[in-house]
Amino acid sequence: MIKFDNSYPGVEQILISDLSKEQNVENVFYNLQADKDSGLYLFSTIGGFWAGNSIWETDNLDLEKMLSMNFLTNFNIAKKFARFVKDSKYGVCGFTSAFTANHPAENKFAYGLSKSALNYLIKSLAIEGAKINLSVFGIVPFIIDTKPNRSWMPDADFSAWIKPDEIGEIVYSFFENYKTISGNILELKVRLKD
């Protein structure tokens, strides 16, 4: 684990190499303190993408990699975060899923399956989390306007892609409305042009 100062007062950044390993996630939460007078907020953007093979050409290792990156990492985070919420006033936890989880596409089986498992985790945790005052939601972006995505699809219409700051505003509004959004997974498919 590597810790270093951040430019925001009171914020400590912790870097961990592999969050699919439960002990690594335990290390992230080790020094954190919960208190009955405070709410806790967490938003996970963790995940990875792999596609290109049909189901019958998908290797078990590729499927395991997608499940590890997109589901197991977030499962470990959710589990540890929920334990902290039990000792706090309330908690709000959000996850980044993928459009493919709700809309299967050719040659994206491993990726879509792993994100579908994440969606099931979100909905299940929202049900179980109600007992400990934990609200859980997900966002499902179609294509996010990032440099890597632009380099992969240089001829696309970038104006229709969801901007990272727009996602931030949506997540912030979900945090503000945590009492009414638990269990929801919002699709962000098309951005209207300015």
Protein backbone atom coordinates (compact mmCIF):
# COMPACT_ATOMS: atom_id res chain seq x y z
CA MET A 1 0.00 0.00 0.00
CA ILE A 2 1.31 3.43 -0.93
CA LYS A 3 0.04 6.57 0.77
CA PHE A 4 0.83 10.13 -0.22
CA ASP A 5 -0.42 13.65 0.38
CA ASN A 6 -3.16 14.99 -1.83
CA SER A 7 -3.77 18.62 -2.73
CA TYR A 8 -7.11 18.59 -0.87
CA PRO A 9 -6.88 19.20 2.88
CA GLY A 10 -8.04 16.23 4.89
CA VAL A 11 -7.94 13.86 1.92
CA GLU A 12 -5.58 10.93 1.88
CA GLN A 13 -5.17 8.89 -1.27
CA ILE A 14 -4.42 5.19 -0.87
CA LEU A 15 -3.21 3.17 -3.83
CA ILE A 16 -3.74 -0.60 -3.88
CA SER A 17 -2.62 -2.91 -6.68
CA ASP A 18 -5.39 -5.53 -6.76
CA LEU A 19 -8.78 -4.99 -5.13
CA SER A 20 -10.02 -8.44 -6.13
CA LYS A 21 -7.96 -9.69 -3.18
CA GLU A 22 -10.02 -9.26 -0.03
CA GLN A 23 -7.00 -8.54 2.19
CA ASN A 24 -6.00 -5.59 -0.01
CA VAL A 25 -9.46 -4.08 0.41
CA GLU A 26 -9.24 -4.74 4.14
CA ASN A 27 -5.97 -2.75 4.13
CA VAL A 28 -7.72 0.21 2.48
CA PHE A 29 -10.34 0.35 5.22
CA TYR A 30 -7.98 -0.52 8.09
CA ASN A 31 -7.24 3.02 9.30
CA LEU A 32 -10.64 4.53 8.55
CA GLN A 33 -13.02 5.36 11.38
CA ALA A 34 -16.81 5.43 11.30
CA ASP A 35 -18.94 7.39 13.73
CA LYS A 36 -22.63 7.36 14.58
CA ASP A 37 -22.98 11.09 13.78
CA SER A 38 -21.59 10.96 10.24
CA GLY A 39 -22.68 9.68 6.86
CA LEU A 40 -20.31 7.81 4.58
CA TYR A 41 -20.09 8.10 0.79
CA LEU A 42 -18.34 5.86 -1.69
CA PHE A 43 -18.39 5.80 -5.48
CA SER A 44 -16.55 3.08 -7.39
CA THR A 45 -15.36 3.53 -10.95
CA ILE A 46 -13.36 0.32 -10.81
CA GLY A 47 -13.58 -2.06 -13.71
CA GLY A 48 -12.09 -3.06 -17.01
CA PHE A 49 -13.11 -3.89 -20.55
CA TRP A 50 -12.36 -6.87 -22.77
CA ALA A 51 -14.25 -8.02 -25.85
CA GLY A 52 -13.75 -9.52 -29.26
CA ASN A 53 -14.48 -13.23 -28.92
CA SER A 54 -17.69 -15.17 -29.34
CA ILE A 55 -18.91 -17.20 -26.36
CA TRP A 56 -17.43 -20.42 -27.76
CA GLU A 57 -14.06 -18.69 -28.32
CA THR A 58 -13.94 -17.11 -24.85
CA ASP A 59 -11.21 -18.57 -22.71
CA ASN A 60 -11.96 -19.29 -19.04
CA LEU A 61 -9.06 -17.04 -18.04
CA ASP A 62 -10.61 -14.09 -19.91
CA LEU A 63 -13.97 -14.71 -18.23
CA GLU A 64 -12.28 -14.97 -14.82
CA LYS A 65 -10.37 -11.74 -15.50
CA MET A 66 -13.57 -9.84 -16.29
CA LEU A 67 -15.36 -11.26 -13.24
CA SER A 68 -12.39 -10.35 -11.07
CA MET A 69 -12.07 -6.78 -12.40
CA ASN A 70 -15.73 -5.87 -12.66
CA PHE A 71 -17.48 -7.93 -10.01
CA LEU A 72 -15.12 -9.28 -7.36
CA THR A 73 -13.37 -5.94 -6.79
CA ASN A 74 -16.70 -4.17 -6.27
CA PHE A 75 -18.06 -7.03 -4.13
CA ASN A 76 -15.06 -6.71 -1.79
CA ILE A 77 -15.46 -2.93 -1.61
CA ALA A 78 -19.21 -3.19 -0.96
CA LYS A 79 -18.74 -5.77 1.77
CA LYS A 80 -16.11 -3.75 3.65
CA PHE A 81 -17.99 -0.47 3.16
CA ALA A 82 -21.22 -1.99 4.49
CA ARG A 83 -19.41 -3.02 7.67
CA PHE A 84 -18.38 0.60 8.18
CA VAL A 85 -21.90 1.85 7.53
CA LYS A 86 -23.16 -0.33 10.39
CA ASP A 87 -21.13 1.93 12.72
CA SER A 88 -22.21 5.23 11.14
CA LYS A 89 -25.36 7.31 10.77
CA TYR A 90 -25.92 6.16 7.15
CA GLY A 91 -24.00 5.24 4.02
CA VAL A 92 -24.35 5.78 0.29
CA CYS A 93 -22.54 3.58 -2.19
CA GLY A 94 -22.52 3.94 -5.99
CA PHE A 95 -21.03 1.77 -8.71
CA THR A 96 -20.23 2.17 -12.40
CA SER A 97 -21.74 -0.62 -14.48
CA ALA A 98 -22.03 -0.82 -18.27
CA PHE A 99 -24.67 -0.57 -20.96
CA THR A 100 -23.76 -4.06 -22.15
CA ALA A 101 -24.97 -5.52 -18.83
CA ASN A 102 -28.55 -4.61 -19.76
CA HIS A 103 -28.21 -4.90 -23.53
CA PRO A 104 -26.20 -7.93 -24.67
CA ALA A 105 -23.97 -7.36 -27.65
CA GLU A 106 -22.03 -9.64 -29.94
CA ASN A 107 -18.57 -10.66 -28.71
CA LYS A 108 -18.95 -8.97 -25.31
CA PHE A 109 -20.16 -11.95 -23.26
CA ALA A 110 -17.47 -11.95 -20.54
CA TYR A 111 -17.66 -8.19 -20.05
CA GLY A 112 -21.46 -8.07 -20.07
CA LEU A 113 -21.76 -11.01 -17.69
CA SER A 114 -19.36 -9.46 -15.19
CA LYS A 115 -21.25 -6.14 -15.24
CA SER A 116 -24.60 -7.98 -14.96
CA ALA A 117 -23.26 -9.62 -11.81
CA LEU A 118 -22.40 -6.14 -10.54
CA ASN A 119 -25.97 -4.99 -11.23
CA TYR A 120 -27.29 -7.93 -9.23
CA LEU A 121 -24.96 -6.97 -6.38
CA ILE A 122 -26.28 -3.38 -6.47
CA LYS A 123 -29.92 -4.46 -6.26
CA SER A 124 -29.26 -7.12 -3.59
CA LEU A 125 -27.16 -4.78 -1.46
CA ALA A 126 -29.88 -2.12 -1.68
CA ILE A 127 -32.40 -4.60 -0.24
CA GLU A 128 -30.13 -5.91 2.50
CA GLY A 129 -28.58 -2.50 3.16
CA ALA A 130 -31.91 -0.97 4.19
CA LYS A 131 -31.43 -2.66 7.58
CA ILE A 132 -28.24 -0.68 8.22
CA ASN A 133 -29.31 2.57 6.53
CA LEU A 134 -27.19 1.89 3.42
CA SER A 135 -28.37 3.29 0.09
CA VAL A 136 -26.90 1.71 -3.07
CA PHE A 137 -27.16 2.79 -6.71
CA GLY A 138 -25.50 2.28 -10.05
CA ILE A 139 -24.93 4.19 -13.24
CA VAL A 140 -24.77 2.54 -16.65
CA PRO A 141 -22.96 4.77 -19.13
CA PHE A 142 -23.04 3.89 -22.82
CA ILE A 143 -19.82 5.58 -23.91
CA ILE A 144 -17.90 8.03 -21.74
CA ASP A 145 -16.05 10.82 -23.51
CA THR A 146 -12.47 10.00 -22.51
CA LYS A 147 -9.16 10.16 -24.40
CA PRO A 148 -8.85 6.35 -24.63
CA ASN A 149 -12.41 6.01 -25.98
CA ARG A 150 -11.75 8.74 -28.55
CA SER A 151 -8.57 6.99 -29.67
CA TRP A 152 -10.45 3.67 -30.06
CA MET A 153 -13.27 5.29 -32.05
CA PRO A 154 -11.76 8.35 -33.77
CA ASP A 155 -14.61 8.71 -36.29
CA ALA A 156 -17.44 8.70 -33.73
CA ASP A 157 -19.68 11.63 -32.84
CA PHE A 158 -18.12 12.67 -29.52
CA SER A 159 -20.85 15.22 -28.85
CA ALA A 160 -23.31 12.37 -28.14
CA TRP A 161 -21.03 10.78 -25.53
CA ILE A 162 -21.53 11.33 -21.80
CA LYS A 163 -18.93 13.70 -20.34
CA PRO A 164 -17.13 12.74 -17.09
CA ASP A 165 -18.22 15.98 -15.38
CA GLU A 166 -21.86 15.21 -16.29
CA ILE A 167 -21.49 11.82 -14.64
CA GLY A 168 -20.05 13.59 -11.58
CA GLU A 169 -23.10 15.84 -11.38
CA ILE A 170 -25.45 12.84 -11.63
CA VAL A 171 -23.56 10.95 -8.94
CA TYR A 172 -23.59 14.03 -6.69
CA SER A 173 -27.37 14.35 -7.15
CA PHE A 174 -27.77 10.68 -6.23
CA PHE A 175 -25.70 11.29 -3.10
CA GLU A 176 -27.95 14.22 -2.19
CA ASN A 177 -31.09 12.11 -2.78
CA TYR A 178 -29.80 8.91 -1.23
CA LYS A 179 -33.03 8.26 0.68
CA THR A 180 -35.05 7.81 -2.52
CA ILE A 181 -32.65 6.30 -5.07
CA SER A 182 -31.52 3.07 -3.42
CA GLY A 183 -31.65 0.09 -5.76
CA ASN A 184 -31.81 2.19 -8.92
CA ILE A 185 -29.43 1.70 -11.82
CA LEU A 186 -29.58 4.65 -14.20
CA GLU A 187 -28.78 4.19 -17.90
CA LEU A 188 -26.89 7.06 -19.50
CA LYS A 189 -27.28 6.26 -23.18
CA VAL A 190 -27.44 9.41 -25.28
CA ARG A 191 -26.34 12.95 -24.53
CA LEU A 192 -28.34 15.65 -26.27
CA LYS A 193 -26.26 18.11 -28.24
CA ASP A 194 -25.63 21.59 -26.85
